[in-house]
Amino acid sequence: MTSQRSAAHAAFGAQVRAVRLRRGLSQDDLAARSGLHRTYVGGIERGERNPSLTNITRLAEALGVPVAELVRRLDERASA
């Protein structure tokens, strides 16, 4: 696994973290709800992982938001 961070991965991870914190969830909570490992969730939030569409959908469902909520600001954050 590479630890390279692209702007898009970092922006997506920041959005996942922001929604998770607004929901009052820990990374452990989100991992349990989504069926993903806690370290994988942390890697996504740090922009170190490239989640599949399946895992993006699992995260959105676990957070109780549409997928669009997680990718809505991706273009503007990635280009900032």
PDB file of N, CA and C in Angstrom:
ATOM      1  N   MET A   1       0.845  -1.182   0.000  1.00  0.00           N
ATOM      2  CA  MET A   1       0.000   0.000   0.000  1.00  0.00           C
ATOM      3  C   MET A   1       0.885   1.238   0.000  1.00  0.00           C
ATOM      4  N   THR A   2       0.515   2.170  -0.788  1.00  0.00           N
ATOM      5  CA  THR A   2       1.249   3.432  -0.837  1.00  0.00           C
ATOM      6  C   THR A   2       0.593   4.429   0.106  1.00  0.00           C
ATOM      7  N   SER A   3       1.381   5.287   0.686  1.00  0.00           N
ATOM      8  CA  SER A   3       0.819   6.287   1.589  1.00  0.00           C
ATOM      9  C   SER A   3       0.672   7.637   0.884  1.00  0.00           C
ATOM     10  N   GLN A   4       0.801   7.638  -0.449  1.00  0.00           N
ATOM     11  CA  GLN A   4       0.613   8.871  -1.202  1.00  0.00           C
ATOM     12  C   GLN A   4      -0.806   9.375  -1.021  1.00  0.00           C
ATOM     13  N   ARG A   5      -0.911  10.679  -0.885  1.00  0.00           N
ATOM     14  CA  ARG A   5      -2.224  11.298  -0.732  1.00  0.00           C
ATOM     15  C   ARG A   5      -2.503  12.153  -1.947  1.00  0.00           C
ATOM     16  N   SER A   6      -3.585  11.865  -2.636  1.00  0.00           N
ATOM     17  CA  SER A   6      -4.007  12.779  -3.690  1.00  0.00           C
ATOM     18  C   SER A   6      -4.959  13.789  -3.064  1.00  0.00           C
ATOM     19  N   ALA A   7      -5.118  14.903  -3.728  1.00  0.00           N
ATOM     20  CA  ALA A   7      -6.028  15.930  -3.217  1.00  0.00           C
ATOM     21  C   ALA A   7      -7.450  15.389  -3.133  1.00  0.00           C
ATOM     22  N   ALA A   8      -7.852  14.581  -4.100  1.00  0.00           N
ATOM     23  CA  ALA A   8      -9.209  14.028  -4.088  1.00  0.00           C
ATOM     24  C   ALA A   8      -9.411  13.079  -2.912  1.00  0.00           C
ATOM     25  N   HIS A   9      -8.409  12.227  -2.638  1.00  0.00           N
ATOM     26  CA  HIS A   9      -8.529  11.300  -1.505  1.00  0.00           C
ATOM     27  C   HIS A   9      -8.576  12.061  -0.189  1.00  0.00           C
ATOM     28  N   ALA A  10      -7.741  13.089  -0.079  1.00  0.00           N
ATOM     29  CA  ALA A  10      -7.734  13.896   1.140  1.00  0.00           C
ATOM     30  C   ALA A  10      -9.065  14.624   1.323  1.00  0.00           C
ATOM     31  N   ALA A  11      -9.629  15.144   0.234  1.00  0.00           N
ATOM     32  CA  ALA A  11     -10.909  15.853   0.308  1.00  0.00           C
ATOM     33  C   ALA A  11     -12.038  14.899   0.696  1.00  0.00           C
ATOM     34  N   PHE A  12     -12.042  13.706   0.100  1.00  0.00           N
ATOM     35  CA  PHE A  12     -13.072  12.725   0.443  1.00  0.00           C
ATOM     36  C   PHE A  12     -12.951  12.334   1.916  1.00  0.00           C
ATOM     37  N   GLY A  13     -11.738  12.066   2.361  1.00  0.00           N
ATOM     38  CA  GLY A  13     -11.523  11.692   3.752  1.00  0.00           C
ATOM     39  C   GLY A  13     -11.952  12.777   4.720  1.00  0.00           C
ATOM     40  N   ALA A  14     -11.671  14.021   4.374  1.00  0.00           N
ATOM     41  CA  ALA A  14     -12.079  15.140   5.223  1.00  0.00           C
ATOM     42  C   ALA A  14     -13.598  15.224   5.317  1.00  0.00           C
ATOM     43  N   GLN A  15     -14.274  14.940   4.226  1.00  0.00           N
ATOM     44  CA  GLN A  15     -15.739  14.973   4.236  1.00  0.00           C
ATOM     45  C   GLN A  15     -16.306  13.832   5.080  1.00  0.00           C
ATOM     46  N   VAL A  16     -15.730  12.639   4.946  1.00  0.00           N
ATOM     47  CA  VAL A  16     -16.176  11.510   5.774  1.00  0.00           C
ATOM     48  C   VAL A  16     -15.991  11.873   7.246  1.00  0.00           C
ATOM     49  N   ARG A  17     -14.839  12.402   7.598  1.00  0.00           N
ATOM     50  CA  ARG A  17     -14.569  12.783   8.991  1.00  0.00           C
ATOM     51  C   ARG A  17     -15.555  13.843   9.481  1.00  0.00           C
ATOM     52  N   ALA A  18     -15.811  14.854   8.652  1.00  0.00           N
ATOM     53  CA  ALA A  18     -16.727  15.928   9.050  1.00  0.00           C
ATOM     54  C   ALA A  18     -18.132  15.378   9.321  1.00  0.00           C
ATOM     55  N   VAL A  19     -18.617  14.522   8.453  1.00  0.00           N
ATOM     56  CA  VAL A  19     -19.957  13.942   8.644  1.00  0.00           C
ATOM     57  C   VAL A  19     -19.949  13.040   9.875  1.00  0.00           C
ATOM     58  N   ARG A  20     -18.903  12.242  10.039  1.00  0.00           N
ATOM     59  CA  ARG A  20     -18.819  11.352  11.198  1.00  0.00           C
ATOM     60  C   ARG A  20     -18.859  12.154  12.500  1.00  0.00           C
ATOM     61  N   LEU A  21     -18.100  13.229  12.556  1.00  0.00           N
ATOM     62  CA  LEU A  21     -18.076  14.047  13.768  1.00  0.00           C
ATOM     63  C   LEU A  21     -19.409  14.742  14.014  1.00  0.00           C
ATOM     64  N   ARG A  22     -20.062  15.208  12.938  1.00  0.00           N
ATOM     65  CA  ARG A  22     -21.401  15.810  13.093  1.00  0.00           C
ATOM     66  C   ARG A  22     -22.393  14.799  13.652  1.00  0.00           C
ATOM     67  N   ARG A  23     -22.203  13.552  13.319  1.00  0.00           N
ATOM     68  CA  ARG A  23     -23.089  12.482  13.811  1.00  0.00           C
ATOM     69  C   ARG A  23     -22.696  12.008  15.211  1.00  0.00           C
ATOM     70  N   GLY A  24     -21.581  12.511  15.724  1.00  0.00           N
ATOM     71  CA  GLY A  24     -21.137  12.127  17.064  1.00  0.00           C
ATOM     72  C   GLY A  24     -20.601  10.711  17.134  1.00  0.00           C
ATOM     73  N   LEU A  25     -20.016  10.232  16.036  1.00  0.00           N
ATOM     74  CA  LEU A  25     -19.511   8.865  15.985  1.00  0.00           C
ATOM     75  C   LEU A  25     -17.992   8.847  16.079  1.00  0.00           C
ATOM     76  N   SER A  26     -17.474   7.828  16.710  1.00  0.00           N
ATOM     77  CA  SER A  26     -16.030   7.597  16.701  1.00  0.00           C
ATOM     78  C   SER A  26     -15.693   6.795  15.442  1.00  0.00           C
ATOM     79  N   GLN A  27     -14.409   6.689  15.143  1.00  0.00           N
ATOM     80  CA  GLN A  27     -14.003   5.831  14.026  1.00  0.00           C
ATOM     81  C   GLN A  27     -14.413   4.393  14.296  1.00  0.00           C
ATOM     82  N   ASP A  28     -14.317   3.956  15.545  1.00  0.00           N
ATOM     83  CA  ASP A  28     -14.753   2.601  15.900  1.00  0.00           C
ATOM     84  C   ASP A  28     -16.237   2.404  15.613  1.00  0.00           C
ATOM     85  N   ASP A  29     -17.053   3.401  15.969  1.00  0.00           N
ATOM     86  CA  ASP A  29     -18.490   3.322  15.717  1.00  0.00           C
ATOM     87  C   ASP A  29     -18.765   3.202  14.218  1.00  0.00           C
ATOM     88  N   LEU A  30     -18.120   4.071  13.433  1.00  0.00           N
ATOM     89  CA  LEU A  30     -18.332   4.053  11.996  1.00  0.00           C
ATOM     90  C   LEU A  30     -17.869   2.737  11.397  1.00  0.00           C
ATOM     91  N   ALA A  31     -16.736   2.232  11.853  1.00  0.00           N
ATOM     92  CA  ALA A  31     -16.241   0.951  11.356  1.00  0.00           C
ATOM     93  C   ALA A  31     -17.241  -0.166  11.644  1.00  0.00           C
ATOM     94  N   ALA A  32     -17.751  -0.205  12.862  1.00  0.00           N
ATOM     95  CA  ALA A  32     -18.714  -1.248  13.228  1.00  0.00           C
ATOM     96  C   ALA A  32     -19.994  -1.145  12.409  1.00  0.00           C
ATOM     97  N   ARG A  33     -20.490   0.058  12.224  1.00  0.00           N
ATOM     98  CA  ARG A  33     -21.730   0.257  11.466  1.00  0.00           C
ATOM     99  C   ARG A  33     -21.565  -0.081   9.997  1.00  0.00           C
ATOM    100  N   SER A  34     -20.377   0.161   9.454  1.00  0.00           N
ATOM    101  CA  SER A  34     -20.153  -0.048   8.023  1.00  0.00           C
ATOM    102  C   SER A  34     -19.608  -1.432   7.702  1.00  0.00           C
ATOM    103  N   GLY A  35     -19.150  -2.144   8.715  1.00  0.00           N
ATOM    104  CA  GLY A  35     -18.554  -3.450   8.484  1.00  0.00           C
ATOM    105  C   GLY A  35     -17.137  -3.364   7.943  1.00  0.00           C
ATOM    106  N   LEU A  36     -16.506  -2.203   8.117  1.00  0.00           N
ATOM    107  CA  LEU A  36     -15.133  -1.996   7.684  1.00  0.00           C
ATOM    108  C   LEU A  36     -14.221  -1.987   8.906  1.00  0.00           C
ATOM    109  N   HIS A  37     -12.947  -2.217   8.702  1.00  0.00           N
ATOM    110  CA  HIS A  37     -12.006  -2.219   9.818  1.00  0.00           C
ATOM    111  C   HIS A  37     -11.701  -0.782  10.235  1.00  0.00           C
ATOM    112  N   ARG A  38     -11.485  -0.584  11.519  1.00  0.00           N
ATOM    113  CA  ARG A  38     -11.209   0.748  12.062  1.00  0.00           C
ATOM    114  C   ARG A  38      -9.983   1.378  11.407  1.00  0.00           C
ATOM    115  N   THR A  39      -8.933   0.613  11.184  1.00  0.00           N
ATOM    116  CA  THR A  39      -7.735   1.195  10.575  1.00  0.00           C
ATOM    117  C   THR A  39      -7.978   1.585   9.117  1.00  0.00           C
ATOM    118  N   TYR A  40      -8.876   0.866   8.446  1.00  0.00           N
ATOM    119  CA  TYR A  40      -9.231   1.220   7.066  1.00  0.00           C
ATOM    120  C   TYR A  40      -9.994   2.541   7.054  1.00  0.00           C
ATOM    121  N   VAL A  41     -10.935   2.702   7.979  1.00  0.00           N
ATOM    122  CA  VAL A  41     -11.682   3.957   8.087  1.00  0.00           C
ATOM    123  C   VAL A  41     -10.721   5.113   8.371  1.00  0.00           C
ATOM    124  N   GLY A  42      -9.779   4.904   9.270  1.00  0.00           N
ATOM    125  CA  GLY A  42      -8.789   5.936   9.567  1.00  0.00           C
ATOM    126  C   GLY A  42      -7.957   6.282   8.342  1.00  0.00           C
ATOM    127  N   GLY A  43      -7.591   5.283   7.569  1.00  0.00           N
ATOM    128  CA  GLY A  43      -6.834   5.510   6.346  1.00  0.00           C
ATOM    129  C   GLY A  43      -7.616   6.304   5.323  1.00  0.00           C
ATOM    130  N   ILE A  44      -8.913   6.039   5.237  1.00  0.00           N
ATOM    131  CA  ILE A  44      -9.771   6.821   4.337  1.00  0.00           C
ATOM    132  C   ILE A  44      -9.798   8.275   4.795  1.00  0.00           C
ATOM    133  N   GLU A  45     -10.008   8.486   6.087  1.00  0.00           N
ATOM    134  CA  GLU A  45     -10.089   9.853   6.608  1.00  0.00           C
ATOM    135  C   GLU A  45      -8.780  10.622   6.428  1.00  0.00           C
ATOM    136  N   ARG A  46      -7.666   9.924   6.440  1.00  0.00           N
ATOM    137  CA  ARG A  46      -6.369  10.580   6.235  1.00  0.00           C
ATOM    138  C   ARG A  46      -6.033  10.713   4.751  1.00  0.00           C
ATOM    139  N   GLY A  47      -6.869  10.190   3.882  1.00  0.00           N
ATOM    140  CA  GLY A  47      -6.629  10.275   2.446  1.00  0.00           C
ATOM    141  C   GLY A  47      -5.606   9.279   1.944  1.00  0.00           C
ATOM    142  N   GLU A  48      -5.335   8.253   2.719  1.00  0.00           N
ATOM    143  CA  GLU A  48      -4.338   7.254   2.361  1.00  0.00           C
ATOM    144  C   GLU A  48      -4.930   6.066   1.615  1.00  0.00           C
ATOM    145  N   ARG A  49      -6.230   5.958   1.587  1.00  0.00           N
ATOM    146  CA  ARG A  49      -6.909   4.826   0.946  1.00  0.00           C
ATOM    147  C   ARG A  49      -7.731   5.311  -0.230  1.00  0.00           C
ATOM    148  N   ASN A  50      -7.928   4.405  -1.165  1.00  0.00           N
ATOM    149  CA  ASN A  50      -8.752   4.660  -2.335  1.00  0.00           C
ATOM    150  C   ASN A  50      -9.961   3.728  -2.244  1.00  0.00           C
ATOM    151  N   PRO A  51     -11.018   4.142  -1.543  1.00  0.00           N
ATOM    152  CA  PRO A  51     -12.141   3.241  -1.302  1.00  0.00           C
ATOM    153  C   PRO A  51     -12.911   2.934  -2.583  1.00  0.00           C
ATOM    154  N   SER A  52     -13.396   1.712  -2.655  1.00  0.00           N
ATOM    155  CA  SER A  52     -14.229   1.302  -3.785  1.00  0.00           C
ATOM    156  C   SER A  52     -15.610   1.933  -3.657  1.00  0.00           C
ATOM    157  N   LEU A  53     -16.345   1.905  -4.735  1.00  0.00           N
ATOM    158  CA  LEU A  53     -17.713   2.417  -4.701  1.00  0.00           C
ATOM    159  C   LEU A  53     -18.548   1.649  -3.677  1.00  0.00           C
ATOM    160  N   THR A  54     -18.298   0.363  -3.562  1.00  0.00           N
ATOM    161  CA  THR A  54     -19.006  -0.448  -2.563  1.00  0.00           C
ATOM    162  C   THR A  54     -18.745   0.091  -1.162  1.00  0.00           C
ATOM    163  N   ASN A  55     -17.486   0.390  -0.854  1.00  0.00           N
ATOM    164  CA  ASN A  55     -17.155   0.888   0.487  1.00  0.00           C
ATOM    165  C   ASN A  55     -17.621   2.314   0.707  1.00  0.00           C
ATOM    166  N   ILE A  56     -17.633   3.128  -0.333  1.00  0.00           N
ATOM    167  CA  ILE A  56     -18.196   4.479  -0.217  1.00  0.00           C
ATOM    168  C   ILE A  56     -19.680   4.382   0.126  1.00  0.00           C
ATOM    169  N   THR A  57     -20.367   3.459  -0.523  1.00  0.00           N
ATOM    170  CA  THR A  57     -21.796   3.248  -0.247  1.00  0.00           C
ATOM    171  C   THR A  57     -22.001   2.747   1.179  1.00  0.00           C
ATOM    172  N   ARG A  58     -21.164   1.842   1.631  1.00  0.00           N
ATOM    173  CA  ARG A  58     -21.268   1.336   3.003  1.00  0.00           C
ATOM    174  C   ARG A  58     -21.061   2.452   4.020  1.00  0.00           C
ATOM    175  N   LEU A  59     -20.086   3.323   3.760  1.00  0.00           N
ATOM    176  CA  LEU A  59     -19.847   4.456   4.657  1.00  0.00           C
ATOM    177  C   LEU A  59     -21.051   5.395   4.689  1.00  0.00           C
ATOM    178  N   ALA A  60     -21.589   5.704   3.515  1.00  0.00           N
ATOM    179  CA  ALA A  60     -22.747   6.608   3.454  1.00  0.00           C
ATOM    180  C   ALA A  60     -23.927   6.023   4.226  1.00  0.00           C
ATOM    181  N   GLU A  61     -24.197   4.740   4.023  1.00  0.00           N
ATOM    182  CA  GLU A  61     -25.305   4.098   4.736  1.00  0.00           C
ATOM    183  C   GLU A  61     -25.062   4.123   6.243  1.00  0.00           C
ATOM    184  N   ALA A  62     -23.834   3.840   6.664  1.00  0.00           N
ATOM    185  CA  ALA A  62     -23.509   3.827   8.092  1.00  0.00           C
ATOM    186  C   ALA A  62     -23.629   5.216   8.711  1.00  0.00           C
ATOM    187  N   LEU A  63     -23.360   6.243   7.911  1.00  0.00           N
ATOM    188  CA  LEU A  63     -23.469   7.622   8.385  1.00  0.00           C
ATOM    189  C   LEU A  63     -24.884   8.176   8.247  1.00  0.00           C
ATOM    190  N   GLY A  64     -25.743   7.457   7.537  1.00  0.00           N
ATOM    191  CA  GLY A  64     -27.127   7.901   7.363  1.00  0.00           C
ATOM    192  C   GLY A  64     -27.258   9.066   6.407  1.00  0.00           C
ATOM    193  N   VAL A  65     -26.376   9.113   5.400  1.00  0.00           N
ATOM    194  CA  VAL A  65     -26.418  10.181   4.406  1.00  0.00           C
ATOM    195  C   VAL A  65     -26.367   9.572   3.007  1.00  0.00           C
ATOM    196  N   PRO A  66     -26.854  10.303   2.004  1.00  0.00           N
ATOM    197  CA  PRO A  66     -26.692   9.810   0.638  1.00  0.00           C
ATOM    198  C   PRO A  66     -25.216   9.883   0.216  1.00  0.00           C
ATOM    199  N   VAL A  67     -24.830   9.041  -0.716  1.00  0.00           N
ATOM    200  CA  VAL A  67     -23.457   9.054  -1.223  1.00  0.00           C
ATOM    201  C   VAL A  67     -23.078  10.461  -1.680  1.00  0.00           C
ATOM    202  N   ALA A  68     -24.020  11.166  -2.279  1.00  0.00           N
ATOM    203  CA  ALA A  68     -23.754  12.522  -2.776  1.00  0.00           C
ATOM    204  C   ALA A  68     -23.253  13.441  -1.667  1.00  0.00           C
ATOM    205  N   GLU A  69     -23.671  13.213  -0.433  1.00  0.00           N
ATOM    206  CA  GLU A  69     -23.215  14.038   0.691  1.00  0.00           C
ATOM    207  C   GLU A  69     -21.707  13.882   0.909  1.00  0.00           C
ATOM    208  N   LEU A  70     -21.190  12.691   0.634  1.00  0.00           N
ATOM    209  CA  LEU A  70     -19.765  12.431   0.850  1.00  0.00           C
ATOM    210  C   LEU A  70     -18.895  12.941  -0.298  1.00  0.00           C
ATOM    211  N   VAL A  71     -19.474  13.069  -1.475  1.00  0.00           N
ATOM    212  CA  VAL A  71     -18.681  13.502  -2.632  1.00  0.00           C
ATOM    213  C   VAL A  71     -19.072  14.883  -3.141  1.00  0.00           C
ATOM    214  N   ARG A  72     -20.035  15.496  -2.517  1.00  0.00           N
ATOM    215  CA  ARG A  72     -20.584  16.767  -2.983  1.00  0.00           C
ATOM    216  C   ARG A  72     -19.519  17.837  -3.202  1.00  0.00           C
ATOM    217  N   ARG A  73     -18.648  18.035  -2.275  1.00  0.00           N
ATOM    218  CA  ARG A  73     -17.655  19.109  -2.358  1.00  0.00           C
ATOM    219  C   ARG A  73     -16.287  18.602  -2.793  1.00  0.00           C
ATOM    220  N   LEU A  74     -16.241  17.433  -3.351  1.00  0.00           N
ATOM    221  CA  LEU A  74     -14.967  16.817  -3.720  1.00  0.00           C
ATOM    222  C   LEU A  74     -14.172  17.673  -4.701  1.00  0.00           C
ATOM    223  N   ASP A  75     -14.822  18.194  -5.734  1.00  0.00           N
ATOM    224  CA  ASP A  75     -14.110  18.990  -6.729  1.00  0.00           C
ATOM    225  C   ASP A  75     -13.535  20.274  -6.133  1.00  0.00           C
ATOM    226  N   GLU A  76     -14.316  20.969  -5.340  1.00  0.00           N
ATOM    227  CA  GLU A  76     -13.812  22.238  -4.793  1.00  0.00           C
ATOM    228  C   GLU A  76     -12.733  22.022  -3.744  1.00  0.00           C
ATOM    229  N   ARG A  77     -12.831  20.975  -2.930  1.00  0.00           N
ATOM    230  CA  ARG A  77     -11.803  20.706  -1.929  1.00  0.00           C
ATOM    231  C   ARG A  77     -10.524  20.183  -2.584  1.00  0.00           C
ATOM    232  N   ALA A  78     -10.679  19.351  -3.616  1.00  0.00           N
ATOM    233  CA  ALA A  78      -9.516  18.767  -4.269  1.00  0.00           C
ATOM    234  C   ALA A  78      -8.713  19.817  -5.015  1.00  0.00           C
ATOM    235  N   SER A  79      -9.383  20.860  -5.496  1.00  0.00           N
ATOM    236  CA  SER A  79      -8.676  21.882  -6.264  1.00  0.00           C
ATOM    237  C   SER A  79      -8.183  23.029  -5.393  1.00  0.00           C
ATOM    238  N   ALA A  80      -8.575  23.036  -4.126  1.00  0.00           N
ATOM    239  CA  ALA A  80      -8.169  24.131  -3.225  1.00  0.00           C
ATOM    240  C   ALA A  80      -6.744  23.986  -2.774  1.00  0.00           C
TER     241      ALA A  80
END
